[in-house]
Amino acid sequence: MRTRYSTVAMVLHWIIALLILANLLLGWWMGYLTGMDQFAKFQLHKSIGITVLVLSVARLAWRMLNPPPPSVAPMKPWEHRVASATHWFFYVMMIGMPLTGWAMVSVSKYNLPTLLWKTIPWPHIGFLHALDPAAKAAVEAVSGGVHLYLALGGAALIALHVAAALKHQFVTRDGVLGRMVPGLRSTPTVN
């Protein structure tokens, strides 16, 4: 029986995790910048966000085609439900945050282009970009609010996820962390 995630799942997990952490920090930092510094960081933020979107859709497709290994940790039924819900909320965050950011850019009164990684032109969402100014302002307000709350919820979810991983590694010692970390033991440690 397979106890570890596939190499593809691990690589996607860690790349997406690092990109999300970087983008959460960058998003917070951008609020303190002005002028061209802010513009350059917004372009980077959008590039990271769209990359997260593409990789997250790939990860979701991979997960559907290659189900994760069964849990080996002795957990209570409610713990399994919380773990499962947490993973699905991560997908909502990983896909929802970039989509709401893309929506905000598409309806922005500034009509700035997006150039991914300073190279690839990225289009606005056509039907949103075509809205009248009042509708654009409403969509920008809603998508901006959702984007912010997904970021805050995502940060809390990351903290919960890291705490759970550390609990499994150092308290219950059940090998759960080793299922997603290359080179780490994925079998329980006997005391």
Foldseek 3Di string as FASTA:
>chain_A
DDLAFDPLLLVLVVVLVVLLVVLLVLVVVLVVDDDPVSVVSVLASLLSLVVLQVSLVVNVVCCVVPPGDDDPDPDDPVVVVVVVVLVVLVSCLSNLLSVLVLLLQLLPPVVDWHAHVVHRTDDRPVVSNPDDNVVSVVSNVVSVVVNVVSSVVVVVSVVVVVVVLVCCVPPVQAQNVVSNDPPDGNHRDDD
